[in-house]
Every structure is written in C-alpha cells, then in structure tokens.
Protein backbone atom coordinates (compact mmCIF):
# COMPACT_ATOMS: atom_id res chain seq x y z
CA MET A 1 43.89 34.14 -102.36
CA ASN A 2 39.99 33.61 -102.69
CA LYS A 3 37.34 32.46 -100.17
CA LYS A 4 37.65 29.04 -101.16
CA SER A 5 41.19 28.55 -100.53
CA ILE A 6 40.72 30.42 -97.12
CA ARG A 7 37.83 27.99 -96.01
CA ILE A 8 39.90 25.17 -97.16
CA GLY A 9 42.90 26.24 -94.85
CA VAL A 10 40.95 27.03 -91.93
CA LEU A 11 39.19 23.40 -92.35
CA LEU A 12 42.65 21.72 -92.46
CA LEU A 13 43.76 23.59 -89.39
CA LEU A 14 40.56 22.89 -87.45
CA GLY A 15 41.00 19.04 -88.56
CA ALA A 16 44.56 19.29 -87.37
CA ALA A 17 43.42 20.42 -84.22
CA VAL A 18 41.09 17.84 -83.63
CA LEU A 19 43.84 15.14 -84.61
CA PHE A 20 46.04 16.69 -82.00
CA VAL A 21 43.27 16.72 -79.30
CA ILE A 22 42.50 12.97 -80.07
CA TYR A 23 46.21 12.04 -80.13
CA ASP A 24 46.92 13.70 -76.78
CA PHE A 25 43.62 12.12 -75.10
CA VAL A 26 44.97 8.68 -76.19
CA LYS A 27 48.55 9.16 -75.16
CA ASP A 28 47.23 10.37 -71.62
CA LEU A 29 44.93 7.46 -71.65
CA ASN A 30 47.72 4.86 -72.33
CA SER A 31 49.92 6.72 -69.76
CA GLU A 32 47.19 6.24 -67.19
CA GLN A 33 46.72 2.50 -68.19
CA LEU A 34 50.38 1.94 -67.85
CA ALA A 35 51.00 3.72 -64.46
CA ARG A 36 48.04 1.63 -63.07
CA GLU A 37 49.42 -1.75 -64.30
CA GLU A 38 52.83 -0.57 -62.84
CA ALA A 39 51.25 0.25 -59.34
CA SER A 40 49.23 -2.92 -59.47
CA GLN A 41 52.48 -4.88 -60.19
CA GLN A 42 54.24 -3.18 -57.09
CA GLU A 43 51.44 -3.81 -55.16
CA VAL A 44 51.61 -7.48 -55.88
CA THR A 45 55.53 -7.44 -55.25
CA ILE A 46 54.95 -5.68 -51.90
CA ILE A 47 52.44 -8.41 -50.75
CA ASN A 48 54.72 -10.99 -51.91
CA ASP A 49 57.66 -9.38 -49.94
CA GLU A 50 55.27 -9.07 -46.88
CA GLU A 51 54.60 -12.68 -47.23
CA SER A 52 58.28 -13.67 -47.60
CA ASN A 53 59.32 -11.52 -44.71
CA THR A 54 56.31 -12.96 -42.56
CA ASN A 55 57.68 -16.70 -43.32
CA ASN A 56 61.49 -15.71 -42.65
CA ASN A 57 60.23 -14.00 -39.50
CA SER A 58 58.46 -17.27 -38.43
CA GLU A 59 61.42 -19.36 -39.55
CA LEU A 60 63.46 -16.97 -37.41
CA ALA A 61 61.41 -17.14 -34.56
CA GLN A 62 61.24 -20.73 -34.57
CA SER A 63 65.19 -20.80 -34.82
CA ASP A 64 65.18 -18.31 -31.77
CA GLU A 65 62.97 -20.79 -29.88
CA SER A 66 65.42 -23.46 -30.67
CA GLU A 67 68.31 -21.60 -29.51
CA ASP A 68 66.64 -20.54 -26.38
CA ASP A 69 65.93 -24.08 -25.84
CA ASN A 70 69.71 -24.83 -26.44
CA ASP A 71 70.65 -22.01 -24.04
CA PHE A 72 68.24 -23.23 -21.32
CA GLN A 73 69.84 -26.63 -21.67
CA TYR A 74 73.19 -25.13 -21.41
CA SER A 75 72.18 -23.08 -18.44
CA GLU A 76 70.89 -26.28 -16.71
CA GLU A 77 74.12 -28.02 -17.33
CA LEU A 78 76.19 -24.94 -16.18
CA GLU A 79 74.01 -24.97 -12.99
CA GLU A 80 74.63 -28.59 -12.67
CA ASP A 81 78.44 -28.04 -12.96
CA THR A 82 78.27 -24.99 -10.66
CA ASN A 83 76.46 -27.00 -8.16
CA THR A 84 79.14 -29.70 -8.42
CA ASP A 85 81.75 -27.17 -8.04
CA GLN A 86 80.19 -25.44 -5.11
CA GLU A 87 79.84 -28.83 -3.50
CA THR A 88 83.65 -29.44 -4.20
CA THR A 89 84.47 -26.14 -2.98
CA ASN A 90 82.30 -26.64 0.36
CA GLU A 91 83.97 -29.95 1.00
CA THR A 92 87.44 -28.67 0.37
CA GLU A 93 86.62 -25.58 2.86
CA SER A 94 85.11 -28.12 5.46
CA HIS A 95 88.30 -30.05 5.28
CA VAL A 96 90.50 -26.89 5.38
CA ASN A 97 88.63 -25.63 8.57
CA SER A 98 89.23 -28.79 10.17
CA SER A 99 92.61 -28.40 9.97
CA PRO A 100 94.65 -25.94 12.10
CA ARG A 101 95.95 -22.91 10.37
CA LEU A 102 98.94 -20.88 11.20
CA THR A 103 99.57 -17.41 9.86
CA TYR A 104 103.06 -16.19 10.34
CA GLY A 105 103.36 -12.46 11.52
CA ALA A 106 104.24 -9.84 13.89
CA TYR A 107 100.98 -9.13 15.35
CA PRO A 108 98.36 -10.93 17.79
CA GLY A 109 97.05 -14.16 16.71
CA GLU A 110 99.90 -14.89 14.49
CA LYS A 111 102.57 -17.40 14.71
CA VAL A 112 105.84 -15.47 15.57
CA TYR A 113 108.48 -15.43 12.66
CA ASP A 114 111.55 -17.38 13.48
CA PHE A 115 115.05 -16.04 13.27
CA GLU A 116 118.76 -16.85 13.82
CA LEU A 117 120.88 -14.03 15.19
CA GLN A 118 124.28 -13.77 16.69
CA GLU A 119 124.31 -13.41 20.49
CA VAL A 120 125.42 -10.08 21.69
CA GLY A 121 129.34 -10.52 22.73
CA SER A 122 129.43 -14.27 21.44
CA GLU A 123 129.75 -16.00 18.30
CA GLU A 124 127.00 -18.25 19.50
CA ILE A 125 123.65 -18.30 17.05
CA ILE A 126 120.39 -18.05 18.75
CA LYS A 127 117.15 -19.31 17.40
CA LEU A 128 113.74 -18.18 18.65
CA SER A 129 112.18 -21.48 17.91
CA ASP A 130 114.49 -22.98 20.26
CA PHE A 131 112.32 -21.58 23.10
CA GLU A 132 109.39 -22.95 21.76
CA GLY A 133 107.07 -24.55 24.70
CA LYS A 134 107.88 -21.71 26.68
CA LYS A 135 106.43 -18.27 26.93
CA VAL A 136 108.76 -15.58 25.50
CA PHE A 137 108.96 -11.77 25.97
CA LEU A 138 110.61 -10.54 22.75
CA ASN A 139 112.13 -6.92 23.25
CA PHE A 140 113.52 -4.75 20.56
CA TRP A 141 115.58 -1.99 22.06
CA ALA A 142 118.63 0.37 21.42
CA SER A 143 121.32 1.74 23.78
CA TRP A 144 120.69 5.46 22.90
CA CYS A 145 116.55 5.06 23.76
CA PRO A 146 115.64 6.71 26.91
CA PRO A 147 112.43 4.49 27.31
CA CYS A 148 114.39 1.62 26.86
CA LYS A 149 116.64 2.41 29.70
CA VAL A 150 113.69 3.05 31.86
CA GLU A 151 112.39 -0.35 31.43
CA ALA A 152 115.78 -2.21 31.45
CA PRO A 153 115.77 -2.85 35.24
CA HIS A 154 112.43 -4.11 35.17
CA LEU A 155 113.21 -6.59 32.55
CA GLN A 156 116.01 -7.96 34.30
CA SER A 157 114.35 -8.19 37.34
CA PHE A 158 111.48 -10.14 35.86
CA SER A 159 113.93 -12.39 34.29
CA GLU A 160 115.74 -13.50 37.42
CA SER A 161 112.01 -14.47 39.04
CA GLN A 162 110.90 -16.31 35.97
CA ASP A 163 111.27 -19.99 35.25
CA ASP A 164 108.58 -20.46 32.57
CA VAL A 165 109.18 -17.32 30.61
CA VAL A 166 112.19 -16.43 28.25
CA LEU A 167 113.21 -13.07 27.65
CA VAL A 168 115.10 -12.33 24.23
CA GLY A 169 116.41 -9.08 23.68
CA VAL A 170 117.08 -7.82 20.01
CA ASN A 171 119.34 -4.69 19.61
CA VAL A 172 118.42 -2.41 16.63
CA THR A 173 122.01 -2.74 15.80
CA VAL A 174 121.68 -0.56 12.46
CA SER A 175 120.65 2.40 14.74
CA GLU A 176 123.74 2.04 16.83
CA SER A 177 126.64 4.36 16.36
CA ASN A 178 129.11 2.04 18.03
CA LEU A 179 128.68 -1.76 18.62
CA GLU A 180 130.30 -1.10 21.92
CA ASN A 181 127.43 0.87 23.21
CA VAL A 182 125.50 -2.36 23.10
CA GLN A 183 127.85 -4.15 25.19
CA ASP A 184 127.96 -1.31 27.75
CA PHE A 185 124.34 -0.99 28.01
CA MET A 186 123.59 -4.56 28.86
CA ASP A 187 126.49 -4.46 31.62
CA GLU A 188 125.29 -1.35 32.92
CA TYR A 189 121.84 -2.82 33.61
CA GLY A 190 123.11 -6.43 34.38
CA PHE A 191 121.23 -8.35 31.46
CA SER A 192 121.78 -12.09 32.15
CA PHE A 193 119.03 -12.98 29.53
CA PRO A 194 120.11 -13.58 25.92
CA ASN A 195 120.35 -10.63 23.43
CA VAL A 196 121.14 -10.68 19.71
CA TYR A 197 122.24 -8.30 17.14
CA GLY A 198 119.19 -7.38 15.09
CA VAL A 199 119.74 -7.21 11.00
CA GLU A 200 117.79 -4.64 8.89
CA GLU A 201 115.53 -6.94 7.16
CA MET A 202 114.25 -8.31 10.77
CA PHE A 203 113.05 -4.89 11.85
CA GLY A 204 110.71 -4.45 8.38
CA LEU A 205 109.49 -8.00 9.20
CA PHE A 206 108.45 -7.08 12.68
CA TYR A 207 107.42 -3.49 11.80
CA VAL A 208 109.39 -2.21 14.37
CA GLU A 209 109.31 1.60 14.05
CA SER A 210 109.41 2.79 17.78
CA LEU A 211 111.38 1.54 20.73
CA PRO A 212 110.89 -0.13 22.69
CA THR A 213 108.65 -2.54 20.74
CA SER A 214 107.73 -5.94 22.53
CA LEU A 215 105.80 -9.09 21.69
CA PHE A 216 104.04 -11.21 24.26
CA ILE A 217 104.39 -14.86 23.07
CA ASP A 218 102.57 -17.74 24.36
CA SER A 219 104.07 -21.69 24.92
CA ASN A 220 102.91 -22.38 21.28
CA GLY A 221 104.72 -19.57 19.83
CA ILE A 222 101.42 -17.43 18.89
CA ILE A 223 101.80 -13.76 19.72
CA GLN A 224 99.27 -12.40 22.43
CA GLU A 225 99.91 -8.90 22.53
CA ARG A 226 102.12 -6.26 21.01
CA VAL A 227 103.24 -3.35 23.02
CA VAL A 228 104.94 -0.21 21.89
CA GLY A 229 106.55 1.54 24.79
CA PRO A 230 108.31 0.82 28.06
CA VAL A 231 106.81 -2.01 30.20
CA THR A 232 107.21 -2.53 33.87
CA GLU A 233 107.79 -5.66 36.09
CA ASP A 234 104.35 -5.61 37.36
CA ILE A 235 102.75 -5.52 33.72
CA LEU A 236 105.05 -8.55 32.82
CA ASN A 237 103.72 -10.49 35.55
CA ALA A 238 100.11 -9.68 34.99
CA HIS A 239 100.34 -10.36 31.44
CA PHE A 240 102.15 -13.58 31.45
CA SER A 241 99.92 -15.14 34.36
CA MET A 242 97.15 -14.93 32.02
CA MET A 243 98.96 -16.51 29.31
CA ASP A 244 99.30 -20.49 28.52
C-alpha cells in the first residue's frame, strides 16, 4: 500500500469521526429540546391541575358552608323541639308532683303490702287492708324463736290496753316443725289478737330474715318504722303515741 492510499484512508477515518461527532451533538441537542418541551408541558398540566383543584376546593367550601347552614338550621329546629319536649316534661312532672304518690313496700315511707292469709286455728281469712284507718303493729314470729318468747307477754299486754292500735301476728310457718307448736305458743302467752299462717312468698316480699321482725304502720297504711328484734310494751306505747 502506497502513501497516497494511506492518506486517503486517514482522511476518510477523520471525516467519519467528524460526522459521528456532529451526529451525536445534534442528537443530544434534539433530546434536550424534547426534554424542555416535555417539562414545559408538565408544568402547564400541573398549573391547570392546581387551578382545577382550587376551583374544586372553592366549590367544596361553598358546599360545606351550605351544609353547615343546613346543620345550623336543623340544630335550631332540634333545639325548638327539645325545648317543646322539655316544656311538656316539666308540665307532666308538675302534674305528677301535684298528685300523691304511693310506693308499696316493706320499709318506712312506703305503703305496706296488703295480704290475705288464714287465721291460726280458724278457717277465717284476714286481710291487712281490713284494718286501714287504724294503727297497726305487724309482727313476724315463730314458736321456736327465743326473742319472740321474750316479747310475747309485752305484745299481749299492749293489745289489751289499746283501742286504736291493732296487733297482727304473722307466724313464719315454713320454719315450724309442727303446726301444733304455733297454737301451743299462742295459748301459752294468751294471744287474743289476730295471728295468721304466713306463706313463704310473703317473707321474701317483706324481707324477713331475722325474728322477730316488726312494722309500725300508721292509720293511712304507711310504714313509719321497721324493727328487727324484740320490743317491749313501753316501746310500743312510745312509738304509737307519736303516730297518727
């Protein structure tokens, strides 16, 4: 190969290198331009989205304000209804409070429960309400109960001295081993006041857990005092003297 051929080959190589550099430069230029256009387009899109979001937020705010107005109006209506209901309630309570209330029970301040039970040693039925209008001493007892034996003479003596107080004895019959013991107890202490055979449901109703248990009842049937344990004639006189 001569020198001329070598020179031509070198020139061709240089020309190819120059063309490659020019091509690469143009390519990079076009890529940069395209990137700028895309960035510009994205910026426009973002701006448009922000404007759209701003508009939407404004609409939502207006909608929320409208809803808030509706809620406030509803609250006013509810308040009016509540005030009306409260006025009605107050009127009802006023009416109820003006009427006498009776609560039935077995404790002071309550109207004593009524009952119908068989009298001891008889087929006669005694109702507690038959004695309404008079003061009543209601006494729960059993023949085996030592404190009941202690107070028995006091009860009989008190009953003989009273005209406006009625004594009513209730035998805790479910605790007796023999019904004959009930009559024997009454005969021993000479009970002349009415006594009845008590049924099991009654003792739960009157919360009788210890014997004797007694209730001081006024002439209106209202329990004034509840006593657990034996009483004396002096106690009976003192308590009923202060009772209507």
